[in-house]
Amino acid sequence: MNAEYLVVIERTDRNWSAHIPDLPGCVATGKTREKALDRLRDAVRMHLEGMKEDALPVPPPSSQPAWLHVAA
């Protein structure tokens, strides 16, 4: 299966965090943005393998990015 999922990346006080809204519970962190994304790739593989082993349907990508501009 080839799919592109939306990834949300956030900077925290100590590191970076990345998660995929369409795959609840699939989260990774790293000291750099790139490290968080590398770890998320591994997390996605494990997450999807686990879903298949448990005979759970793999959700198709459905999240879409949007920017909301707010006047401060």
N, C-alpha and C. Protein backbone atom coordinates (compact mmCIF):
# COMPACT_ATOMS: atom_id res chain seq x y z
N MET A 1 0.84 -1.18 0.00
CA MET A 1 0.00 0.00 0.00
C MET A 1 0.88 1.25 0.00
N ASN A 2 0.63 2.13 -0.90
CA ASN A 2 1.31 3.43 -0.93
C ASN A 2 0.28 4.50 -0.61
N ALA A 3 0.61 5.33 0.35
CA ALA A 3 -0.30 6.40 0.75
C ALA A 3 0.51 7.56 1.29
N GLU A 4 -0.05 8.75 1.20
CA GLU A 4 0.55 9.93 1.79
C GLU A 4 -0.36 10.44 2.88
N TYR A 5 0.15 10.45 4.11
CA TYR A 5 -0.61 10.92 5.25
C TYR A 5 -0.12 12.30 5.68
N LEU A 6 -1.03 13.12 6.13
CA LEU A 6 -0.68 14.42 6.68
C LEU A 6 0.04 14.22 8.00
N VAL A 7 1.16 14.90 8.17
CA VAL A 7 1.94 14.83 9.40
C VAL A 7 1.90 16.20 10.07
N VAL A 8 1.62 16.22 11.36
CA VAL A 8 1.66 17.46 12.14
C VAL A 8 2.95 17.44 12.95
N ILE A 9 3.75 18.48 12.77
CA ILE A 9 5.04 18.57 13.45
C ILE A 9 4.98 19.78 14.38
N GLU A 10 5.39 19.55 15.62
CA GLU A 10 5.35 20.63 16.61
C GLU A 10 6.67 20.75 17.35
N ARG A 11 7.08 21.97 17.59
CA ARG A 11 8.28 22.24 18.38
C ARG A 11 7.85 22.38 19.83
N THR A 12 8.53 21.66 20.71
CA THR A 12 8.26 21.77 22.14
C THR A 12 9.46 22.46 22.80
N ASP A 13 9.41 22.59 24.10
CA ASP A 13 10.52 23.23 24.81
C ASP A 13 11.82 22.45 24.67
N ARG A 14 11.71 21.12 24.58
CA ARG A 14 12.92 20.29 24.58
C ARG A 14 13.19 19.54 23.27
N ASN A 15 12.16 19.32 22.45
CA ASN A 15 12.37 18.52 21.24
C ASN A 15 11.30 18.82 20.21
N TRP A 16 11.20 17.94 19.25
CA TRP A 16 10.18 18.01 18.21
C TRP A 16 9.26 16.81 18.35
N SER A 17 8.01 17.00 18.02
CA SER A 17 7.01 15.94 18.09
C SER A 17 6.30 15.87 16.74
N ALA A 18 5.99 14.67 16.31
CA ALA A 18 5.29 14.49 15.03
C ALA A 18 4.22 13.42 15.20
N HIS A 19 3.05 13.67 14.61
CA HIS A 19 1.99 12.66 14.64
C HIS A 19 1.15 12.75 13.37
N ILE A 20 0.39 11.69 13.15
CA ILE A 20 -0.47 11.59 11.97
C ILE A 20 -1.91 11.52 12.45
N PRO A 21 -2.71 12.57 12.16
CA PRO A 21 -4.09 12.58 12.63
C PRO A 21 -4.92 11.36 12.19
N ASP A 22 -4.64 10.83 11.01
CA ASP A 22 -5.40 9.68 10.50
C ASP A 22 -5.02 8.36 11.15
N LEU A 23 -3.92 8.36 11.91
CA LEU A 23 -3.46 7.15 12.59
C LEU A 23 -3.32 7.46 14.09
N PRO A 24 -4.42 7.54 14.81
CA PRO A 24 -4.36 7.89 16.23
C PRO A 24 -3.39 6.99 17.00
N GLY A 25 -2.58 7.63 17.82
CA GLY A 25 -1.60 6.90 18.62
C GLY A 25 -0.26 6.73 17.95
N CYS A 26 -0.15 7.12 16.70
CA CYS A 26 1.11 7.00 15.98
C CYS A 26 1.86 8.32 16.13
N VAL A 27 2.82 8.33 17.06
CA VAL A 27 3.53 9.55 17.45
C VAL A 27 5.01 9.26 17.57
N ALA A 28 5.84 10.27 17.29
CA ALA A 28 7.28 10.13 17.48
C ALA A 28 7.86 11.48 17.90
N THR A 29 8.99 11.42 18.58
CA THR A 29 9.69 12.64 18.98
C THR A 29 11.16 12.53 18.61
N GLY A 30 11.84 13.66 18.58
CA GLY A 30 13.26 13.67 18.31
C GLY A 30 13.86 15.01 18.67
N LYS A 31 15.17 15.03 18.82
CA LYS A 31 15.86 16.29 19.16
C LYS A 31 15.81 17.28 18.01
N THR A 32 15.66 16.77 16.79
CA THR A 32 15.53 17.63 15.62
C THR A 32 14.25 17.27 14.88
N ARG A 33 13.83 18.16 14.01
CA ARG A 33 12.64 17.91 13.18
C ARG A 33 12.86 16.66 12.33
N GLU A 34 14.04 16.55 11.75
CA GLU A 34 14.36 15.42 10.88
C GLU A 34 14.35 14.11 11.66
N LYS A 35 14.88 14.12 12.89
CA LYS A 35 14.90 12.90 13.70
C LYS A 35 13.49 12.48 14.06
N ALA A 36 12.63 13.44 14.38
CA ALA A 36 11.23 13.12 14.69
C ALA A 36 10.56 12.48 13.48
N LEU A 37 10.82 13.01 12.29
CA LEU A 37 10.23 12.44 11.07
C LEU A 37 10.78 11.05 10.78
N ASP A 38 12.09 10.85 10.97
CA ASP A 38 12.68 9.52 10.77
C ASP A 38 12.04 8.51 11.70
N ARG A 39 11.89 8.90 12.96
CA ARG A 39 11.27 7.99 13.93
C ARG A 39 9.79 7.76 13.61
N LEU A 40 9.12 8.77 13.09
CA LEU A 40 7.71 8.61 12.73
C LEU A 40 7.56 7.61 11.58
N ARG A 41 8.49 7.63 10.62
CA ARG A 41 8.44 6.64 9.53
C ARG A 41 8.46 5.22 10.09
N ASP A 42 9.36 4.98 11.05
CA ASP A 42 9.43 3.66 11.68
C ASP A 42 8.15 3.37 12.45
N ALA A 43 7.63 4.38 13.17
CA ALA A 43 6.41 4.19 13.95
C ALA A 43 5.22 3.85 13.04
N VAL A 44 5.15 4.48 11.89
CA VAL A 44 4.06 4.21 10.94
C VAL A 44 4.14 2.77 10.45
N ARG A 45 5.32 2.32 10.09
CA ARG A 45 5.48 0.94 9.63
C ARG A 45 5.00 -0.05 10.70
N MET A 46 5.44 0.17 11.94
CA MET A 46 5.03 -0.71 13.03
C MET A 46 3.54 -0.62 13.30
N HIS A 47 3.00 0.59 13.25
CA HIS A 47 1.58 0.82 13.50
C HIS A 47 0.73 0.07 12.46
N LEU A 48 1.09 0.23 11.19
CA LEU A 48 0.32 -0.41 10.11
C LEU A 48 0.47 -1.94 10.16
N GLU A 49 1.67 -2.43 10.46
CA GLU A 49 1.86 -3.88 10.59
C GLU A 49 0.99 -4.43 11.71
N GLY A 50 0.94 -3.71 12.83
CA GLY A 50 0.11 -4.14 13.95
C GLY A 50 -1.37 -4.16 13.60
N MET A 51 -1.81 -3.15 12.85
CA MET A 51 -3.21 -3.11 12.43
C MET A 51 -3.53 -4.30 11.53
N LYS A 52 -2.62 -4.61 10.60
CA LYS A 52 -2.84 -5.75 9.71
C LYS A 52 -2.86 -7.06 10.49
N GLU A 53 -1.93 -7.22 11.44
CA GLU A 53 -1.89 -8.44 12.26
C GLU A 53 -3.17 -8.61 13.07
N ASP A 54 -3.76 -7.49 13.49
CA ASP A 54 -5.00 -7.53 14.27
C ASP A 54 -6.25 -7.52 13.39
N ALA A 55 -6.04 -7.63 12.08
CA ALA A 55 -7.13 -7.62 11.09
C ALA A 55 -7.98 -6.35 11.18
N LEU A 56 -7.33 -5.24 11.49
CA LEU A 56 -8.02 -3.96 11.52
C LEU A 56 -7.85 -3.26 10.17
N PRO A 57 -8.86 -2.55 9.72
CA PRO A 57 -8.73 -1.83 8.45
C PRO A 57 -7.76 -0.66 8.59
N VAL A 58 -6.93 -0.48 7.60
CA VAL A 58 -6.00 0.65 7.58
C VAL A 58 -6.77 1.85 7.04
N PRO A 59 -6.86 2.93 7.84
CA PRO A 59 -7.62 4.08 7.38
C PRO A 59 -6.93 4.78 6.22
N PRO A 60 -7.72 5.16 5.23
CA PRO A 60 -7.12 5.91 4.12
C PRO A 60 -6.79 7.33 4.58
N PRO A 61 -5.85 7.97 3.92
CA PRO A 61 -5.55 9.36 4.26
C PRO A 61 -6.79 10.22 4.04
N SER A 62 -7.13 11.04 5.04
CA SER A 62 -8.29 11.92 4.87
C SER A 62 -8.05 13.32 5.41
N SER A 63 -7.04 13.49 6.25
CA SER A 63 -6.74 14.82 6.80
C SER A 63 -6.16 15.71 5.71
N GLN A 64 -6.52 16.99 5.78
CA GLN A 64 -6.04 17.96 4.80
C GLN A 64 -5.50 19.19 5.53
N PRO A 65 -4.43 19.76 5.01
CA PRO A 65 -3.89 20.95 5.66
C PRO A 65 -4.71 22.20 5.31
N ALA A 66 -4.72 23.12 6.22
CA ALA A 66 -5.33 24.43 5.99
C ALA A 66 -4.69 25.40 6.97
N TRP A 67 -4.59 26.62 6.57
CA TRP A 67 -4.06 27.67 7.43
C TRP A 67 -5.19 28.62 7.77
N LEU A 68 -5.27 29.00 9.02
CA LEU A 68 -6.28 29.94 9.47
C LEU A 68 -5.55 31.21 9.90
N HIS A 69 -5.78 32.29 9.20
CA HIS A 69 -5.13 33.56 9.52
C HIS A 69 -6.03 34.34 10.48
N VAL A 70 -5.44 34.75 11.58
CA VAL A 70 -6.18 35.46 12.61
C VAL A 70 -5.48 36.80 12.86
N ALA A 71 -6.24 37.87 12.82
CA ALA A 71 -5.67 39.19 13.12
C ALA A 71 -5.44 39.30 14.62
N ALA A 72 -4.24 39.69 14.99
CA ALA A 72 -3.93 39.80 16.42
C ALA A 72 -4.12 41.22 16.90
